Amino acid sequence: MKIFFRFWGNSILAILISKLSFIFSAIFLPNTPGILKTQKMVSIVARTGRQFQRYNQGCRQVVGCIPYRYKTDKESSCGAPIEELEVLVVSSQKGKGMLFPKGGWEIDESIEEAATRETLEEAGVLGNVGCKLGKWSFKSKSGGTFHEGYMFPLLVKEQLDFWPEKNVRQRRWMTVAEAREACQHWWMKEALDILIQRLENGEENGDEDEAQSQ
């Protein structure tokens, strides 16, 4: 019984510290864009462990993003700029293939906050999160357990030189065709197809203020 209360006491304390860090960083940066600067301060170190992990009927809930941008360094025959869509993929920590950034959804954050955090931690980019692309159920290749995965589009506004998992992952901008070939997860490929369809139909809000390549 003592062990039980000690565990929950530590869990609640950790959540309070996380929330207070977010509040204080916003207070001491009153003249800066709150979300952008706060994320940089709070997410200096990637979260580890699964003590705050969300589950739904035994399925671990994971959230990820498809970071994208429009590259405009090409010109047509008449001299007009050509916009080319690129998406950002990262390497697996185990070095087996490429994927879009994703990770566990935790109990002290919204699903959009989890998507933004995981993208910052694994890929080192910030931007505008769009509407959810969908929900997928899949089985983990490593543990054989079932997961519930959610994916969001993220229009990249800033690419950082230093981020929490810089030393354990590689990131690479690819064309849609390259990313579809390189991505190791079928459900992420489906999410990519949904994003492309949305963009072609003009359904993503991020089209009004497009991120430029760096």
N, C-alpha and C. Protein backbone atom coordinates (compact mmCIF):
# COMPACT_ATOMS: atom_id res chain seq x y z
N MET A 1 0.82 -1.21 0.00
CA MET A 1 0.00 0.00 0.00
C MET A 1 0.86 1.25 0.00
N LYS A 2 1.94 1.26 0.79
CA LYS A 2 2.84 2.41 0.81
C LYS A 2 3.47 2.64 -0.56
N ILE A 3 3.82 1.54 -1.23
CA ILE A 3 4.43 1.66 -2.56
C ILE A 3 3.44 2.27 -3.54
N PHE A 4 2.16 1.89 -3.41
CA PHE A 4 1.13 2.42 -4.32
C PHE A 4 1.01 3.93 -4.17
N PHE A 5 0.88 4.41 -2.90
CA PHE A 5 0.73 5.85 -2.68
C PHE A 5 1.99 6.62 -3.05
N ARG A 6 3.14 5.99 -2.84
CA ARG A 6 4.39 6.65 -3.22
C ARG A 6 4.46 6.83 -4.72
N PHE A 7 4.04 5.82 -5.49
CA PHE A 7 4.05 5.90 -6.96
C PHE A 7 3.15 7.03 -7.45
N TRP A 8 1.90 7.07 -6.94
CA TRP A 8 0.98 8.10 -7.41
C TRP A 8 1.38 9.48 -6.93
N GLY A 9 1.98 9.54 -5.74
CA GLY A 9 2.47 10.83 -5.27
C GLY A 9 3.54 11.38 -6.17
N ASN A 10 4.48 10.54 -6.58
CA ASN A 10 5.54 10.97 -7.50
C ASN A 10 4.98 11.34 -8.86
N SER A 11 3.97 10.60 -9.32
CA SER A 11 3.38 10.88 -10.63
C SER A 11 2.71 12.25 -10.64
N ILE A 12 1.94 12.54 -9.59
CA ILE A 12 1.25 13.83 -9.50
C ILE A 12 2.25 14.96 -9.41
N LEU A 13 3.32 14.75 -8.63
CA LEU A 13 4.36 15.78 -8.50
C LEU A 13 5.01 16.08 -9.84
N ALA A 14 5.30 15.05 -10.62
CA ALA A 14 5.94 15.25 -11.93
C ALA A 14 5.03 16.03 -12.87
N ILE A 15 3.73 15.74 -12.84
CA ILE A 15 2.79 16.46 -13.69
C ILE A 15 2.73 17.93 -13.29
N LEU A 16 2.69 18.21 -11.98
CA LEU A 16 2.65 19.59 -11.51
C LEU A 16 3.89 20.36 -11.92
N ILE A 17 5.06 19.72 -11.86
CA ILE A 17 6.30 20.37 -12.27
C ILE A 17 6.27 20.72 -13.74
N SER A 18 5.75 19.78 -14.56
CA SER A 18 5.66 20.03 -16.00
C SER A 18 4.76 21.21 -16.29
N LYS A 19 3.59 21.28 -15.62
CA LYS A 19 2.66 22.37 -15.85
C LYS A 19 3.23 23.70 -15.38
N LEU A 20 3.89 23.71 -14.20
CA LEU A 20 4.47 24.94 -13.69
C LEU A 20 5.59 25.46 -14.59
N SER A 21 6.36 24.55 -15.18
CA SER A 21 7.42 24.95 -16.10
C SER A 21 6.82 25.67 -17.30
N PHE A 22 5.71 25.16 -17.79
CA PHE A 22 5.04 25.78 -18.94
C PHE A 22 4.54 27.18 -18.58
N ILE A 23 3.94 27.32 -17.37
CA ILE A 23 3.37 28.61 -16.95
C ILE A 23 4.47 29.64 -16.74
N PHE A 24 5.53 29.27 -15.98
CA PHE A 24 6.58 30.22 -15.67
C PHE A 24 7.33 30.68 -16.92
N SER A 25 7.56 29.76 -17.87
CA SER A 25 8.26 30.15 -19.09
C SER A 25 7.44 31.15 -19.89
N ALA A 26 6.11 31.01 -19.87
CA ALA A 26 5.25 31.97 -20.56
C ALA A 26 5.26 33.32 -19.85
N ILE A 27 5.31 33.32 -18.50
CA ILE A 27 5.32 34.56 -17.74
C ILE A 27 6.58 35.36 -17.99
N PHE A 28 7.72 34.70 -17.99
CA PHE A 28 8.99 35.39 -18.12
C PHE A 28 9.36 35.72 -19.56
N LEU A 29 8.50 35.33 -20.52
CA LEU A 29 8.70 35.71 -21.91
C LEU A 29 7.44 36.42 -22.42
N PRO A 30 7.03 37.53 -21.78
CA PRO A 30 5.76 38.15 -22.12
C PRO A 30 5.72 38.79 -23.49
N ASN A 31 6.85 39.18 -24.04
CA ASN A 31 6.87 39.90 -25.32
C ASN A 31 7.24 39.01 -26.49
N THR A 32 7.20 37.71 -26.31
CA THR A 32 7.55 36.78 -27.38
C THR A 32 6.36 35.89 -27.67
N PRO A 33 6.33 35.30 -28.88
CA PRO A 33 5.23 34.38 -29.20
C PRO A 33 5.21 33.23 -28.20
N GLY A 34 4.15 33.14 -27.40
CA GLY A 34 4.11 32.21 -26.28
C GLY A 34 4.39 30.78 -26.63
N ILE A 35 3.67 30.23 -27.61
CA ILE A 35 3.78 28.81 -27.91
C ILE A 35 5.17 28.46 -28.41
N LEU A 36 5.68 29.26 -29.34
CA LEU A 36 6.96 28.95 -29.95
C LEU A 36 8.08 28.96 -28.92
N LYS A 37 8.19 30.03 -28.14
CA LYS A 37 9.27 30.16 -27.18
C LYS A 37 9.11 29.17 -26.03
N THR A 38 7.88 28.96 -25.59
CA THR A 38 7.65 28.05 -24.48
C THR A 38 8.06 26.63 -24.85
N GLN A 39 7.72 26.20 -26.06
CA GLN A 39 8.09 24.86 -26.49
C GLN A 39 9.59 24.69 -26.47
N LYS A 40 10.31 25.72 -26.86
CA LYS A 40 11.77 25.62 -26.88
C LYS A 40 12.31 25.40 -25.47
N MET A 41 11.71 26.07 -24.48
CA MET A 41 12.21 25.98 -23.12
C MET A 41 11.80 24.67 -22.45
N VAL A 42 10.52 24.31 -22.58
CA VAL A 42 10.00 23.15 -21.88
C VAL A 42 10.52 21.85 -22.45
N SER A 43 10.74 21.81 -23.76
CA SER A 43 11.09 20.55 -24.42
C SER A 43 12.58 20.42 -24.71
N ILE A 44 13.40 21.01 -23.85
CA ILE A 44 14.84 20.90 -24.06
C ILE A 44 15.28 19.44 -23.96
N VAL A 45 14.66 18.68 -23.06
CA VAL A 45 14.99 17.28 -22.88
C VAL A 45 13.78 16.44 -23.26
N ALA A 46 14.00 15.39 -24.05
CA ALA A 46 12.89 14.53 -24.46
C ALA A 46 12.34 13.76 -23.27
N ARG A 47 11.04 13.57 -23.26
CA ARG A 47 10.43 12.79 -22.20
C ARG A 47 10.79 11.32 -22.38
N THR A 48 10.96 10.64 -21.26
CA THR A 48 11.24 9.21 -21.29
C THR A 48 10.34 8.50 -20.29
N GLY A 49 10.24 7.18 -20.44
CA GLY A 49 9.40 6.41 -19.53
C GLY A 49 7.95 6.41 -19.96
N ARG A 50 7.17 5.51 -19.37
CA ARG A 50 5.77 5.38 -19.76
C ARG A 50 4.83 5.47 -18.57
N GLN A 51 5.27 6.10 -17.47
CA GLN A 51 4.42 6.16 -16.30
C GLN A 51 3.20 7.04 -16.50
N PHE A 52 3.24 7.98 -17.48
CA PHE A 52 2.10 8.85 -17.77
C PHE A 52 1.42 8.49 -19.08
N GLN A 53 1.75 7.35 -19.64
CA GLN A 53 1.25 6.95 -20.94
C GLN A 53 -0.25 6.68 -20.93
N ARG A 54 -0.92 7.12 -22.00
CA ARG A 54 -2.36 6.85 -22.14
C ARG A 54 -2.58 5.48 -22.80
N TYR A 55 -3.62 4.79 -22.33
CA TYR A 55 -4.04 3.53 -22.92
C TYR A 55 -5.55 3.55 -23.12
N ASN A 56 -6.00 2.86 -24.14
CA ASN A 56 -7.42 2.72 -24.40
C ASN A 56 -7.74 1.24 -24.54
N GLN A 57 -8.37 0.69 -23.52
CA GLN A 57 -8.70 -0.74 -23.50
C GLN A 57 -7.47 -1.60 -23.78
N GLY A 58 -6.36 -1.24 -23.14
CA GLY A 58 -5.13 -2.02 -23.26
C GLY A 58 -4.25 -1.64 -24.42
N CYS A 59 -4.74 -0.78 -25.32
CA CYS A 59 -3.94 -0.35 -26.47
C CYS A 59 -3.18 0.94 -26.13
N ARG A 60 -1.89 0.96 -26.33
CA ARG A 60 -1.11 2.16 -26.10
C ARG A 60 -1.46 3.19 -27.17
N GLN A 61 -1.68 4.43 -26.76
CA GLN A 61 -2.05 5.49 -27.69
C GLN A 61 -0.81 6.29 -28.08
N VAL A 62 -0.55 6.37 -29.36
CA VAL A 62 0.60 7.11 -29.87
C VAL A 62 0.11 8.17 -30.85
N VAL A 63 0.88 9.26 -30.93
CA VAL A 63 0.51 10.39 -31.76
C VAL A 63 1.72 10.84 -32.57
N GLY A 64 1.49 11.22 -33.83
CA GLY A 64 2.59 11.67 -34.66
C GLY A 64 2.17 12.75 -35.63
N CYS A 65 3.14 13.29 -36.34
CA CYS A 65 2.90 14.35 -37.32
C CYS A 65 3.60 14.01 -38.64
N ILE A 66 3.04 14.56 -39.70
CA ILE A 66 3.74 14.58 -40.99
C ILE A 66 4.17 16.03 -41.21
N PRO A 67 5.42 16.37 -40.92
CA PRO A 67 5.88 17.74 -41.16
C PRO A 67 6.04 17.96 -42.67
N TYR A 68 5.56 19.11 -43.16
CA TYR A 68 5.69 19.38 -44.59
C TYR A 68 6.00 20.85 -44.84
N ARG A 69 6.51 21.14 -46.02
CA ARG A 69 6.83 22.49 -46.43
C ARG A 69 6.74 22.56 -47.95
N TYR A 70 6.82 23.78 -48.47
CA TYR A 70 6.85 23.99 -49.91
C TYR A 70 8.21 24.58 -50.28
N LYS A 71 8.93 23.87 -51.12
CA LYS A 71 10.25 24.31 -51.56
C LYS A 71 10.09 25.07 -52.87
N THR A 72 10.72 26.24 -52.97
CA THR A 72 10.50 27.10 -54.14
C THR A 72 11.80 27.51 -54.82
N ASP A 73 12.76 26.61 -54.91
CA ASP A 73 14.04 26.96 -55.53
C ASP A 73 14.12 26.57 -57.00
N LYS A 74 12.99 26.17 -57.58
CA LYS A 74 12.96 25.84 -59.00
C LYS A 74 12.10 26.84 -59.75
N GLU A 75 12.35 26.98 -61.03
CA GLU A 75 11.58 27.90 -61.87
C GLU A 75 11.09 27.19 -63.11
N SER A 76 9.94 27.62 -63.58
CA SER A 76 9.40 27.06 -64.81
C SER A 76 10.11 27.69 -66.00
N SER A 77 9.77 27.23 -67.21
CA SER A 77 10.40 27.74 -68.42
C SER A 77 10.14 29.23 -68.62
N CYS A 78 9.04 29.73 -68.05
CA CYS A 78 8.73 31.15 -68.19
C CYS A 78 9.26 31.98 -67.02
N GLY A 79 10.01 31.35 -66.12
CA GLY A 79 10.62 32.08 -65.01
C GLY A 79 9.80 32.14 -63.75
N ALA A 80 8.61 31.56 -63.73
CA ALA A 80 7.77 31.58 -62.54
C ALA A 80 8.26 30.52 -61.54
N PRO A 81 8.21 30.82 -60.25
CA PRO A 81 8.66 29.84 -59.26
C PRO A 81 7.75 28.62 -59.21
N ILE A 82 8.36 27.46 -59.01
CA ILE A 82 7.62 26.21 -58.90
C ILE A 82 7.69 25.73 -57.45
N GLU A 83 6.54 25.55 -56.85
CA GLU A 83 6.49 25.06 -55.48
C GLU A 83 6.45 23.54 -55.47
N GLU A 84 7.36 22.96 -54.72
CA GLU A 84 7.43 21.51 -54.61
C GLU A 84 7.20 21.10 -53.16
N LEU A 85 6.24 20.23 -52.96
CA LEU A 85 5.92 19.76 -51.62
C LEU A 85 6.98 18.78 -51.13
N GLU A 86 7.46 18.98 -49.91
CA GLU A 86 8.40 18.06 -49.28
C GLU A 86 7.88 17.70 -47.89
N VAL A 87 8.18 16.48 -47.46
CA VAL A 87 7.82 16.03 -46.12
C VAL A 87 9.09 15.59 -45.40
N LEU A 88 9.06 15.71 -44.08
CA LEU A 88 10.24 15.42 -43.27
C LEU A 88 10.09 14.07 -42.58
N VAL A 89 11.08 13.20 -42.78
CA VAL A 89 11.09 11.90 -42.12
C VAL A 89 12.32 11.82 -41.21
N VAL A 90 12.24 10.93 -40.23
CA VAL A 90 13.36 10.74 -39.30
C VAL A 90 13.71 9.26 -39.26
N SER A 91 14.92 8.99 -38.84
CA SER A 91 15.35 7.60 -38.74
C SER A 91 14.86 7.00 -37.43
N SER A 92 14.67 5.71 -37.43
CA SER A 92 14.34 4.99 -36.21
C SER A 92 15.53 5.01 -35.27
N GLN A 93 15.27 5.02 -33.97
CA GLN A 93 16.35 4.98 -32.99
C GLN A 93 17.18 3.71 -33.14
N LYS A 94 16.54 2.66 -33.62
CA LYS A 94 17.25 1.39 -33.82
C LYS A 94 17.89 1.31 -35.19
N GLY A 95 17.76 2.37 -35.98
CA GLY A 95 18.42 2.43 -37.27
C GLY A 95 17.81 1.56 -38.34
N LYS A 96 16.54 1.17 -38.17
CA LYS A 96 15.89 0.30 -39.14
C LYS A 96 14.80 1.06 -39.87
N GLY A 97 15.18 1.77 -40.92
CA GLY A 97 14.21 2.45 -41.75
C GLY A 97 13.89 3.86 -41.28
N MET A 98 13.03 4.52 -42.07
CA MET A 98 12.61 5.89 -41.81
C MET A 98 11.12 5.91 -41.50
N LEU A 99 10.71 6.96 -40.81
CA LEU A 99 9.31 7.10 -40.43
C LEU A 99 9.03 8.56 -40.13
N PHE A 100 7.77 8.89 -39.91
CA PHE A 100 7.41 10.21 -39.48
C PHE A 100 7.49 10.26 -37.95
N PRO A 101 7.80 11.42 -37.38
CA PRO A 101 7.93 11.51 -35.92
C PRO A 101 6.64 11.15 -35.21
N LYS A 102 6.75 10.32 -34.18
CA LYS A 102 5.59 9.92 -33.39
C LYS A 102 6.06 9.37 -32.05
N GLY A 103 5.14 9.35 -31.10
CA GLY A 103 5.47 8.82 -29.78
C GLY A 103 4.23 8.76 -28.91
N GLY A 104 4.43 8.42 -27.65
CA GLY A 104 3.31 8.21 -26.75
C GLY A 104 2.56 9.48 -26.37
N TRP A 105 1.24 9.35 -26.31
CA TRP A 105 0.37 10.44 -25.85
C TRP A 105 0.25 10.30 -24.34
N GLU A 106 0.58 11.35 -23.59
CA GLU A 106 0.62 11.27 -22.14
C GLU A 106 -0.56 11.98 -21.50
N ILE A 107 -0.83 11.65 -20.23
CA ILE A 107 -2.07 12.05 -19.58
C ILE A 107 -2.13 13.54 -19.24
N ASP A 108 -1.01 14.24 -19.25
CA ASP A 108 -1.00 15.66 -18.88
C ASP A 108 -1.00 16.59 -20.08
N GLU A 109 -1.37 16.09 -21.27
CA GLU A 109 -1.33 16.92 -22.47
C GLU A 109 -2.48 16.56 -23.39
N SER A 110 -2.87 17.53 -24.22
CA SER A 110 -3.88 17.26 -25.24
C SER A 110 -3.23 16.49 -26.38
N ILE A 111 -4.06 15.97 -27.27
CA ILE A 111 -3.51 15.18 -28.37
C ILE A 111 -2.69 16.07 -29.32
N GLU A 112 -3.12 17.33 -29.50
CA GLU A 112 -2.35 18.25 -30.35
C GLU A 112 -1.02 18.61 -29.69
N GLU A 113 -1.01 18.79 -28.38
CA GLU A 113 0.23 19.07 -27.66
C GLU A 113 1.20 17.90 -27.78
N ALA A 114 0.67 16.68 -27.70
CA ALA A 114 1.52 15.50 -27.84
C ALA A 114 2.13 15.42 -29.23
N ALA A 115 1.33 15.73 -30.25
CA ALA A 115 1.83 15.69 -31.62
C ALA A 115 2.94 16.72 -31.83
N THR A 116 2.73 17.93 -31.31
CA THR A 116 3.74 18.98 -31.42
C THR A 116 5.01 18.61 -30.68
N ARG A 117 4.85 18.10 -29.46
CA ARG A 117 6.01 17.74 -28.64
C ARG A 117 6.85 16.65 -29.28
N GLU A 118 6.19 15.59 -29.75
CA GLU A 118 6.93 14.49 -30.37
C GLU A 118 7.67 14.95 -31.62
N THR A 119 7.05 15.84 -32.40
CA THR A 119 7.70 16.33 -33.61
C THR A 119 8.91 17.18 -33.28
N LEU A 120 8.80 17.99 -32.23
CA LEU A 120 9.95 18.79 -31.79
C LEU A 120 11.06 17.91 -31.26
N GLU A 121 10.72 16.93 -30.44
CA GLU A 121 11.73 16.07 -29.83
C GLU A 121 12.48 15.24 -30.87
N GLU A 122 11.75 14.67 -31.82
CA GLU A 122 12.37 13.73 -32.76
C GLU A 122 12.89 14.40 -34.03
N ALA A 123 12.22 15.45 -34.50
CA ALA A 123 12.60 16.05 -35.78
C ALA A 123 13.13 17.47 -35.67
N GLY A 124 12.93 18.13 -34.54
CA GLY A 124 13.46 19.46 -34.35
C GLY A 124 12.81 20.53 -35.20
N VAL A 125 11.49 20.42 -35.42
CA VAL A 125 10.78 21.43 -36.18
C VAL A 125 9.54 21.88 -35.41
N LEU A 126 9.13 23.12 -35.68
CA LEU A 126 7.94 23.72 -35.09
C LEU A 126 7.05 24.23 -36.20
N GLY A 127 5.76 24.28 -35.94
CA GLY A 127 4.87 24.79 -36.97
C GLY A 127 3.42 24.73 -36.58
N ASN A 128 2.55 24.78 -37.58
CA ASN A 128 1.10 24.78 -37.38
C ASN A 128 0.55 23.36 -37.54
N VAL A 129 -0.11 22.88 -36.51
CA VAL A 129 -0.73 21.56 -36.55
C VAL A 129 -2.12 21.68 -37.17
N GLY A 130 -2.39 20.85 -38.16
CA GLY A 130 -3.69 20.85 -38.82
C GLY A 130 -4.65 19.86 -38.20
N CYS A 131 -5.77 19.64 -38.86
CA CYS A 131 -6.79 18.71 -38.37
C CYS A 131 -6.29 17.27 -38.47
N LYS A 132 -6.74 16.45 -37.56
CA LYS A 132 -6.32 15.05 -37.48
C LYS A 132 -6.54 14.33 -38.81
N LEU A 133 -5.55 13.57 -39.22
CA LEU A 133 -5.63 12.82 -40.47
C LEU A 133 -6.39 11.51 -40.32
N GLY A 134 -6.40 10.98 -39.11
CA GLY A 134 -7.11 9.72 -38.89
C GLY A 134 -6.59 8.97 -37.69
N LYS A 135 -7.20 7.82 -37.46
CA LYS A 135 -6.79 6.92 -36.36
C LYS A 135 -6.61 5.53 -36.93
N TRP A 136 -5.53 4.86 -36.50
CA TRP A 136 -5.20 3.53 -37.00
C TRP A 136 -4.90 2.59 -35.83
N SER A 137 -5.23 1.34 -36.00
CA SER A 137 -4.86 0.31 -35.04
C SER A 137 -3.81 -0.57 -35.69
N PHE A 138 -2.74 -0.81 -34.99
CA PHE A 138 -1.66 -1.62 -35.55
C PHE A 138 -0.94 -2.36 -34.44
N LYS A 139 -0.18 -3.35 -34.84
CA LYS A 139 0.56 -4.18 -33.89
C LYS A 139 2.03 -3.81 -33.93
N SER A 140 2.61 -3.61 -32.78
CA SER A 140 4.03 -3.25 -32.69
C SER A 140 4.89 -4.39 -33.20
N LYS A 141 5.90 -4.03 -34.02
CA LYS A 141 6.80 -5.05 -34.55
C LYS A 141 7.74 -5.59 -33.47
N SER A 142 8.09 -4.74 -32.52
CA SER A 142 9.06 -5.15 -31.50
C SER A 142 8.41 -5.93 -30.37
N GLY A 143 7.37 -5.34 -29.73
CA GLY A 143 6.77 -5.98 -28.57
C GLY A 143 5.57 -6.84 -28.88
N GLY A 144 5.02 -6.71 -30.08
CA GLY A 144 3.85 -7.50 -30.44
C GLY A 144 2.57 -7.02 -29.78
N THR A 145 2.58 -5.81 -29.21
CA THR A 145 1.41 -5.27 -28.56
C THR A 145 0.64 -4.37 -29.52
N PHE A 146 -0.64 -4.19 -29.23
CA PHE A 146 -1.48 -3.38 -30.11
C PHE A 146 -1.41 -1.91 -29.70
N HIS A 147 -1.40 -1.05 -30.71
CA HIS A 147 -1.33 0.39 -30.52
C HIS A 147 -2.48 1.07 -31.24
N GLU A 148 -2.81 2.25 -30.76
CA GLU A 148 -3.81 3.10 -31.39
C GLU A 148 -3.07 4.37 -31.82
N GLY A 149 -2.93 4.56 -33.12
CA GLY A 149 -2.12 5.66 -33.62
C GLY A 149 -2.94 6.77 -34.26
N TYR A 150 -2.55 8.02 -33.96
CA TYR A 150 -3.19 9.20 -34.53
C TYR A 150 -2.13 10.00 -35.27
N MET A 151 -2.48 10.56 -36.42
CA MET A 151 -1.53 11.36 -37.19
C MET A 151 -2.14 12.72 -37.53
N PHE A 152 -1.25 13.74 -37.51
CA PHE A 152 -1.64 15.11 -37.83
C PHE A 152 -0.68 15.68 -38.87
N PRO A 153 -1.13 16.62 -39.69
CA PRO A 153 -0.20 17.36 -40.55
C PRO A 153 0.41 18.52 -39.77
N LEU A 154 1.64 18.87 -40.07
CA LEU A 154 2.28 20.02 -39.44
C LEU A 154 3.02 20.83 -40.49
N LEU A 155 2.53 22.04 -40.76
CA LEU A 155 3.19 22.93 -41.70
C LEU A 155 4.36 23.59 -41.00
N VAL A 156 5.57 23.28 -41.42
CA VAL A 156 6.78 23.69 -40.71
C VAL A 156 7.02 25.19 -40.86
N LYS A 157 7.25 25.85 -39.73
CA LYS A 157 7.56 27.28 -39.69
C LYS A 157 9.00 27.53 -39.25
N GLU A 158 9.55 26.62 -38.47
CA GLU A 158 10.92 26.81 -37.98
C GLU A 158 11.62 25.46 -37.87
N GLN A 159 12.85 25.42 -38.35
CA GLN A 159 13.67 24.22 -38.26
C GLN A 159 14.86 24.53 -37.36
N LEU A 160 14.97 23.79 -36.26
CA LEU A 160 16.00 24.06 -35.26
C LEU A 160 17.30 23.33 -35.59
N ASP A 161 18.40 23.94 -35.20
CA ASP A 161 19.71 23.31 -35.38
C ASP A 161 20.00 22.29 -34.28
N PHE A 162 19.41 22.50 -33.13
CA PHE A 162 19.61 21.60 -32.00
C PHE A 162 18.25 21.20 -31.44
N TRP A 163 18.08 19.92 -31.20
CA TRP A 163 16.82 19.41 -30.65
C TRP A 163 17.12 18.18 -29.82
N PRO A 164 16.19 17.73 -28.96
CA PRO A 164 16.47 16.68 -27.98
C PRO A 164 17.07 15.39 -28.54
N GLU A 165 16.60 14.91 -29.69
CA GLU A 165 17.07 13.62 -30.21
C GLU A 165 17.99 13.78 -31.41
N LYS A 166 18.66 14.90 -31.48
CA LYS A 166 19.59 15.17 -32.59
C LYS A 166 20.68 14.11 -32.70
N ASN A 167 21.15 13.61 -31.56
CA ASN A 167 22.27 12.67 -31.55
C ASN A 167 21.85 11.22 -31.78
N VAL A 168 20.55 10.94 -31.80
CA VAL A 168 20.11 9.55 -31.97
C VAL A 168 19.27 9.34 -33.22
N ARG A 169 18.93 10.43 -33.91
CA ARG A 169 18.13 10.31 -35.12
C ARG A 169 18.69 11.19 -36.23
N GLN A 170 18.43 10.80 -37.45
CA GLN A 170 18.71 11.65 -38.60
C GLN A 170 17.38 12.13 -39.17
N ARG A 171 17.37 13.32 -39.71
CA ARG A 171 16.16 13.82 -40.36
C ARG A 171 16.48 14.14 -41.81
N ARG A 172 15.47 14.00 -42.65
CA ARG A 172 15.71 14.21 -44.07
C ARG A 172 14.43 14.66 -44.76
N TRP A 173 14.54 15.74 -45.52
CA TRP A 173 13.42 16.19 -46.34
C TRP A 173 13.36 15.35 -47.61
N MET A 174 12.16 14.90 -47.96
CA MET A 174 11.97 14.05 -49.13
C MET A 174 10.77 14.52 -49.93
N THR A 175 10.74 14.12 -51.19
CA THR A 175 9.52 14.29 -51.97
C THR A 175 8.49 13.29 -51.45
N VAL A 176 7.25 13.47 -51.83
CA VAL A 176 6.20 12.56 -51.39
C VAL A 176 6.48 11.13 -51.85
N ALA A 177 6.92 10.99 -53.09
CA ALA A 177 7.21 9.65 -53.63
C ALA A 177 8.35 8.99 -52.86
N GLU A 178 9.39 9.76 -52.55
CA GLU A 178 10.52 9.21 -51.79
C GLU A 178 10.10 8.79 -50.39
N ALA A 179 9.27 9.64 -49.75
CA ALA A 179 8.83 9.33 -48.39
C ALA A 179 7.93 8.11 -48.35
N ARG A 180 7.08 7.99 -49.35
CA ARG A 180 6.18 6.83 -49.39
C ARG A 180 6.99 5.53 -49.55
N GLU A 181 8.08 5.61 -50.29
CA GLU A 181 8.95 4.44 -50.48
C GLU A 181 9.77 4.15 -49.23
N ALA A 182 10.24 5.20 -48.55
CA ALA A 182 11.15 5.02 -47.42
C ALA A 182 10.44 4.68 -46.11
N CYS A 183 9.22 5.17 -45.93
CA CYS A 183 8.51 4.98 -44.67
C CYS A 183 8.23 3.50 -44.41
N GLN A 184 8.53 3.06 -43.20
CA GLN A 184 8.42 1.63 -42.89
C GLN A 184 7.05 1.21 -42.34
N HIS A 185 6.16 2.16 -42.08
CA HIS A 185 4.86 1.83 -41.48
C HIS A 185 3.72 2.05 -42.48
N TRP A 186 2.91 1.03 -42.71
CA TRP A 186 1.81 1.13 -43.67
C TRP A 186 0.80 2.20 -43.27
N TRP A 187 0.54 2.34 -41.96
CA TRP A 187 -0.48 3.28 -41.52
C TRP A 187 -0.02 4.73 -41.69
N MET A 188 1.28 4.95 -41.60
CA MET A 188 1.81 6.29 -41.86
C MET A 188 1.71 6.63 -43.35
N LYS A 189 1.89 5.63 -44.20
CA LYS A 189 1.74 5.85 -45.64
C LYS A 189 0.30 6.22 -45.98
N GLU A 190 -0.64 5.59 -45.30
CA GLU A 190 -2.04 5.94 -45.50
C GLU A 190 -2.31 7.37 -45.06
N ALA A 191 -1.71 7.76 -43.93
CA ALA A 191 -1.87 9.14 -43.45
C ALA A 191 -1.29 10.12 -44.46
N LEU A 192 -0.17 9.78 -45.06
CA LEU A 192 0.45 10.64 -46.07
C LEU A 192 -0.47 10.80 -47.27
N ASP A 193 -1.09 9.73 -47.71
CA ASP A 193 -2.01 9.81 -48.85
C ASP A 193 -3.20 10.72 -48.54
N ILE A 194 -3.68 10.66 -47.30
CA ILE A 194 -4.80 11.51 -46.90
C ILE A 194 -4.38 12.98 -46.90
N LEU A 195 -3.16 13.25 -46.41
CA LEU A 195 -2.65 14.62 -46.41
C LEU A 195 -2.53 15.16 -47.84
N ILE A 196 -1.98 14.36 -48.73
CA ILE A 196 -1.81 14.81 -50.12
C ILE A 196 -3.17 15.13 -50.75
N GLN A 197 -4.14 14.28 -50.48
CA GLN A 197 -5.48 14.53 -51.03
C GLN A 197 -6.06 15.83 -50.49
N ARG A 198 -5.85 16.09 -49.21
CA ARG A 198 -6.33 17.34 -48.61
C ARG A 198 -5.66 18.55 -49.25
N LEU A 199 -4.36 18.48 -49.41
CA LEU A 199 -3.63 19.61 -49.98
C LEU A 199 -4.06 19.87 -51.42
N GLU A 200 -4.27 18.81 -52.17
CA GLU A 200 -4.71 18.96 -53.56
C GLU A 200 -6.09 19.58 -53.64
N ASN A 201 -6.92 19.30 -52.61
CA ASN A 201 -8.28 19.85 -52.59
C ASN A 201 -8.34 21.21 -51.88
N GLY A 202 -7.18 21.69 -51.40
CA GLY A 202 -7.14 22.97 -50.71
C GLY A 202 -7.80 22.97 -49.36
N GLU A 203 -7.78 21.83 -48.68
CA GLU A 203 -8.49 21.70 -47.41
C GLU A 203 -7.62 22.01 -46.19
N GLU A 204 -6.30 22.15 -46.37
CA GLU A 204 -5.43 22.45 -45.23
C GLU A 204 -5.30 23.95 -45.06
N ASN A 205 -5.51 24.46 -43.82
CA ASN A 205 -5.45 25.89 -43.54
C ASN A 205 -4.07 26.47 -43.72
N GLY A 206 -3.04 25.63 -43.61
CA GLY A 206 -1.68 26.13 -43.68
C GLY A 206 -1.29 26.66 -45.04
N ASP A 207 -2.11 26.44 -46.06
CA ASP A 207 -1.77 26.89 -47.41
C ASP A 207 -1.66 28.40 -47.52
N GLU A 208 -2.30 29.13 -46.59
CA GLU A 208 -2.32 30.58 -46.70
C GLU A 208 -0.97 31.20 -46.34
N ASP A 209 -0.18 30.49 -45.50
CA ASP A 209 1.08 31.05 -45.04
C ASP A 209 2.12 29.97 -45.08
N GLU A 210 2.66 29.71 -46.23
CA GLU A 210 3.48 28.53 -46.44
C GLU A 210 4.89 28.69 -45.89
N ALA A 211 5.43 27.58 -45.36
CA ALA A 211 6.79 27.60 -44.84
C ALA A 211 7.77 27.50 -46.00
N GLN A 212 8.84 28.24 -45.90
CA GLN A 212 9.85 28.20 -46.95
C GLN A 212 10.99 27.28 -46.51
N SER A 213 11.63 26.66 -47.47
CA SER A 213 12.75 25.76 -47.17
C SER A 213 13.93 26.57 -46.69
N GLN A 214 14.75 25.91 -45.85
CA GLN A 214 15.92 26.58 -45.30
C GLN A 214 17.18 26.03 -45.91
